[in-house]
Structure formats: structure tokens, C-alpha cells
N, C-alpha and C. Protein backbone atom coordinates (compact mmCIF):
# COMPACT_ATOMS: atom_id res chain seq x y z
N MET A 1 -79.44 -140.99 67.56
CA MET A 1 -79.38 -139.60 67.98
C MET A 1 -79.97 -139.45 69.34
N ARG A 2 -81.11 -140.14 69.46
CA ARG A 2 -81.88 -140.06 70.75
C ARG A 2 -80.91 -140.56 72.06
N LYS A 3 -80.25 -141.72 71.70
CA LYS A 3 -79.35 -142.16 72.72
C LYS A 3 -78.34 -141.23 73.11
N THR A 4 -77.67 -140.58 72.18
CA THR A 4 -76.71 -139.55 72.40
C THR A 4 -77.27 -138.39 73.19
N LEU A 5 -78.36 -137.93 72.77
CA LEU A 5 -79.04 -136.94 73.55
C LEU A 5 -79.46 -137.21 74.91
N SER A 6 -79.99 -138.61 75.04
CA SER A 6 -80.33 -138.85 76.36
C SER A 6 -78.97 -138.98 77.36
N ILE A 7 -78.08 -139.52 76.81
CA ILE A 7 -76.61 -139.57 77.34
C ILE A 7 -76.15 -138.28 77.95
N LEU A 8 -76.13 -137.34 76.97
CA LEU A 8 -75.73 -135.96 77.18
C LEU A 8 -76.46 -135.22 78.23
N MET A 9 -77.85 -135.48 78.27
CA MET A 9 -78.82 -135.07 79.34
C MET A 9 -78.51 -135.53 80.64
N LEU A 10 -78.16 -136.93 80.66
CA LEU A 10 -77.84 -137.56 81.86
C LEU A 10 -76.46 -137.13 82.42
N PHE A 11 -75.63 -136.87 81.71
CA PHE A 11 -74.19 -136.28 82.09
C PHE A 11 -74.42 -134.83 82.54
N MET A 12 -75.20 -134.07 82.08
CA MET A 12 -75.58 -132.65 82.48
C MET A 12 -76.21 -132.77 83.90
N ALA A 13 -77.21 -133.65 83.94
CA ALA A 13 -77.98 -133.62 85.08
C ALA A 13 -76.97 -134.19 86.16
N MET A 14 -76.16 -135.06 85.98
CA MET A 14 -75.24 -135.60 87.08
C MET A 14 -74.26 -134.44 87.38
N GLY A 15 -73.73 -133.67 86.21
CA GLY A 15 -72.81 -132.58 86.75
C GLY A 15 -73.46 -131.53 87.55
N MET A 16 -74.76 -131.21 87.24
CA MET A 16 -75.34 -130.12 88.11
C MET A 16 -75.69 -130.72 89.30
N THR A 17 -76.08 -131.95 89.58
CA THR A 17 -76.37 -132.55 90.95
C THR A 17 -75.00 -132.52 91.82
N LEU A 18 -73.82 -133.00 91.31
CA LEU A 18 -72.47 -133.13 91.85
C LEU A 18 -72.18 -131.68 92.24
N SER A 19 -72.40 -130.61 91.36
CA SER A 19 -71.94 -129.21 91.56
C SER A 19 -72.61 -128.67 92.82
N MET A 20 -74.03 -129.03 92.84
CA MET A 20 -74.96 -128.41 94.08
C MET A 20 -74.34 -129.03 95.13
N THR A 21 -73.95 -130.59 95.29
CA THR A 21 -73.67 -131.10 96.41
C THR A 21 -72.27 -130.66 96.96
N SER A 22 -71.53 -130.39 96.01
CA SER A 22 -70.10 -129.87 96.46
C SER A 22 -70.12 -128.47 96.85
N CYS A 23 -71.01 -127.71 96.41
CA CYS A 23 -71.37 -126.44 97.05
C CYS A 23 -71.87 -126.35 98.38
N ARG A 24 -72.83 -127.18 98.67
CA ARG A 24 -73.40 -127.36 99.95
C ARG A 24 -72.18 -127.85 100.90
N GLU A 25 -71.36 -128.91 100.42
CA GLU A 25 -70.34 -129.30 101.41
C GLU A 25 -69.33 -127.98 101.76
N THR A 26 -69.15 -127.42 100.65
CA THR A 26 -68.35 -126.15 100.79
C THR A 26 -68.89 -125.16 101.77
N LYS A 27 -70.07 -124.86 101.61
CA LYS A 27 -70.66 -123.84 102.74
C LYS A 27 -70.70 -124.60 104.17
N GLU A 28 -70.95 -125.85 104.14
CA GLU A 28 -70.97 -126.56 105.51
C GLU A 28 -69.63 -126.43 106.03
N ASP A 29 -68.62 -126.79 105.30
CA ASP A 29 -67.41 -126.62 105.68
C ASP A 29 -66.84 -125.21 106.16
N LYS A 30 -67.17 -124.33 105.32
CA LYS A 30 -66.89 -122.92 105.82
C LYS A 30 -67.65 -122.60 107.17
N ALA A 31 -68.86 -122.94 107.38
CA ALA A 31 -69.48 -122.67 108.50
C ALA A 31 -69.04 -123.33 109.73
N GLU A 32 -68.65 -124.67 109.49
CA GLU A 32 -67.78 -125.33 110.67
C GLU A 32 -66.53 -124.71 110.85
N GLU A 33 -65.73 -124.25 109.96
CA GLU A 33 -64.46 -123.63 110.08
C GLU A 33 -64.70 -122.18 111.06
N ALA A 34 -65.72 -121.59 110.49
CA ALA A 34 -66.20 -120.29 111.24
C ALA A 34 -66.45 -120.38 112.58
N ILE A 35 -67.38 -121.59 112.86
CA ILE A 35 -67.60 -121.85 114.31
C ILE A 35 -66.34 -122.25 115.08
N GLU A 36 -65.47 -123.10 114.62
CA GLU A 36 -64.30 -123.27 115.19
C GLU A 36 -63.37 -122.16 115.46
N ASP A 37 -63.22 -121.13 114.44
CA ASP A 37 -62.64 -119.87 114.67
C ASP A 37 -63.16 -118.91 115.77
N VAL A 38 -64.49 -119.00 115.94
CA VAL A 38 -65.23 -118.39 117.16
C VAL A 38 -64.78 -118.89 118.45
N LYS A 39 -64.92 -120.37 118.44
CA LYS A 39 -64.74 -121.09 119.68
C LYS A 39 -63.15 -120.74 120.05
N ASP A 40 -62.25 -120.90 119.05
CA ASP A 40 -60.84 -120.50 119.42
C ASP A 40 -60.63 -119.11 119.88
N GLY A 41 -61.33 -118.34 119.26
CA GLY A 41 -61.28 -116.63 119.73
C GLY A 41 -61.97 -116.71 121.14
N LEU A 42 -62.90 -117.11 121.37
CA LEU A 42 -63.52 -117.14 122.82
C LEU A 42 -62.50 -117.86 123.99
N GLU A 43 -61.89 -118.93 123.62
CA GLU A 43 -61.11 -119.59 124.48
C GLU A 43 -59.76 -118.61 124.72
N GLU A 44 -59.20 -118.16 123.63
CA GLU A 44 -58.17 -117.21 123.83
C GLU A 44 -58.54 -115.96 124.67
N ALA A 45 -59.68 -115.34 124.43
CA ALA A 45 -60.13 -114.24 125.18
C ALA A 45 -60.15 -114.67 126.66
N GLY A 46 -60.93 -115.78 126.86
CA GLY A 46 -60.92 -116.12 128.18
C GLY A 46 -59.50 -116.45 129.07
N ASP A 47 -58.47 -117.01 128.06
CA ASP A 47 -57.04 -117.07 128.81
C ASP A 47 -56.66 -115.75 128.95
N ASP A 48 -56.92 -114.65 128.04
CA ASP A 48 -56.44 -113.50 128.34
C ASP A 48 -56.94 -112.70 129.42
N ILE A 49 -58.22 -112.91 129.74
CA ILE A 49 -59.05 -112.34 130.91
C ILE A 49 -58.55 -113.22 132.29
N GLU A 50 -58.28 -114.38 132.20
CA GLU A 50 -57.83 -115.08 133.29
C GLU A 50 -56.28 -114.48 133.71
N ASP A 51 -55.43 -114.25 132.61
CA ASP A 51 -54.14 -113.85 132.92
C ASP A 51 -54.17 -112.38 133.47
N ALA A 52 -55.19 -111.58 133.01
CA ALA A 52 -55.14 -110.18 133.37
C ALA A 52 -55.63 -110.24 134.95
N ALA A 53 -56.61 -111.17 135.27
CA ALA A 53 -57.20 -111.06 136.58
C ALA A 53 -55.95 -111.64 137.45
N GLU A 54 -55.12 -112.51 137.13
CA GLU A 54 -53.97 -113.09 137.90
C GLU A 54 -52.95 -111.82 138.15
N ASP A 55 -52.72 -110.97 137.02
CA ASP A 55 -51.97 -109.87 137.17
C ASP A 55 -52.35 -108.82 138.30
N VAL A 56 -53.64 -108.68 138.14
CA VAL A 56 -54.39 -107.85 138.95
C VAL A 56 -54.32 -108.11 140.41
N GLY A 57 -54.64 -109.45 140.64
CA GLY A 57 -54.40 -110.07 141.97
C GLY A 57 -53.01 -109.84 142.44
N ASP A 58 -51.90 -110.13 141.70
CA ASP A 58 -50.70 -110.05 142.01
C ASP A 58 -50.43 -108.47 142.53
N LYS A 59 -50.67 -107.75 141.67
CA LYS A 59 -50.35 -106.21 142.04
C LYS A 59 -51.28 -105.87 143.34
N ILE A 60 -52.28 -106.35 143.53
CA ILE A 60 -52.93 -106.08 144.91
C ILE A 60 -52.15 -106.63 145.99
N GLU A 61 -51.71 -107.67 145.80
CA GLU A 61 -50.84 -108.42 146.94
C GLU A 61 -49.69 -107.65 147.23
N ASP A 62 -49.00 -107.15 146.15
CA ASP A 62 -47.70 -106.34 146.08
C ASP A 62 -48.06 -104.93 146.93
N ALA A 63 -49.26 -104.48 146.46
CA ALA A 63 -49.56 -103.16 147.20
C ALA A 63 -49.85 -103.43 148.56
N ALA A 64 -50.40 -104.52 148.91
CA ALA A 64 -50.72 -104.85 150.51
C ALA A 64 -49.46 -104.86 151.05
N ASP A 65 -48.54 -105.67 150.58
CA ASP A 65 -47.23 -105.90 151.21
C ASP A 65 -46.56 -104.67 151.32
N ASP A 66 -46.60 -103.80 150.49
CA ASP A 66 -45.90 -102.41 150.64
C ASP A 66 -46.57 -101.54 151.57
N VAL A 67 -47.91 -101.69 151.83
CA VAL A 67 -48.60 -100.91 152.82
C VAL A 67 -48.31 -101.58 154.17
N GLU A 68 -48.22 -102.79 154.29
CA GLU A 68 -47.85 -103.41 155.49
C GLU A 68 -46.42 -103.02 156.00
N ASP A 69 -45.44 -103.02 154.93
CA ASP A 69 -44.09 -102.56 155.23
C ASP A 69 -43.99 -101.19 155.62
N GLU A 70 -44.77 -100.13 155.07
CA GLU A 70 -44.80 -98.93 155.60
C GLU A 70 -45.39 -98.60 156.91
N ILE A 71 -46.39 -99.59 157.21
CA ILE A 71 -46.81 -99.45 158.50
C ILE A 71 -46.02 -99.95 159.76
N GLU A 72 -45.28 -100.97 159.28
CA GLU A 72 -44.34 -101.44 160.19
C GLU A 72 -43.14 -100.54 160.39
N LYS A 73 -42.72 -99.83 159.24
CA LYS A 73 -41.60 -98.78 159.38
C LYS A 73 -42.08 -97.57 160.36
N ALA A 74 -43.49 -97.34 160.21
CA ALA A 74 -43.98 -96.15 161.01
C ALA A 74 -44.07 -96.54 162.36
N THR A 75 -44.63 -97.66 162.69
CA THR A 75 -44.52 -98.06 163.97
C THR A 75 -43.27 -98.19 164.61
N ASP A 76 -42.28 -98.57 163.96
CA ASP A 76 -40.88 -98.72 164.36
C ASP A 76 -40.34 -97.33 164.90
N THR A 77 -40.43 -96.49 164.08
CA THR A 77 -40.00 -95.16 164.33
C THR A 77 -40.63 -94.52 165.58
N ILE A 78 -41.95 -94.67 165.78
CA ILE A 78 -42.65 -94.27 166.91
C ILE A 78 -42.31 -94.85 168.20
N SER A 79 -41.80 -96.27 168.21
CA SER A 79 -41.38 -96.89 169.48
C SER A 79 -40.06 -96.31 169.81
């Protein structure tokens, strides 16, 4: 009877130990995944900002070209 009880207690202790270990791993895995998600989000946001800055730069260049064309037209009509 004592051996059976000892073996049962051993299995229960092993089960509790394994369940705590797997919970820790699960929490660590979730934390690592969350960190990766944040990194991916930041990279994506950085790419979006870079694209927006390029678009603004292109629009400024287009506007400068339009102003230059208008100035040329105005000076041509004066001459």
C-alpha cells in the first residue's frame, strides 16, 4: 500500500512540475510572439512614414516644377 501511495504521489508531483514548466514556456512563447508583433508593427510604421515622406517630396518637386513653368510663361509673355 505504501509503495502504491508513494508512486501515486511521485506521479502527482511530476505532473504538477511538468504543468508549471509548460505554463512558463507558454507564457515565454507568448511574450516573445508579442515582442515580434511589436517589432513588425514598428517596421511597418517606419516603412509607411518613409513612403509618406517620399510622396511629400515628390509633390513638392512637382509644385516647384509647376511654379517654374508658370514663371517661364509669365516672362515669355512680357518679352
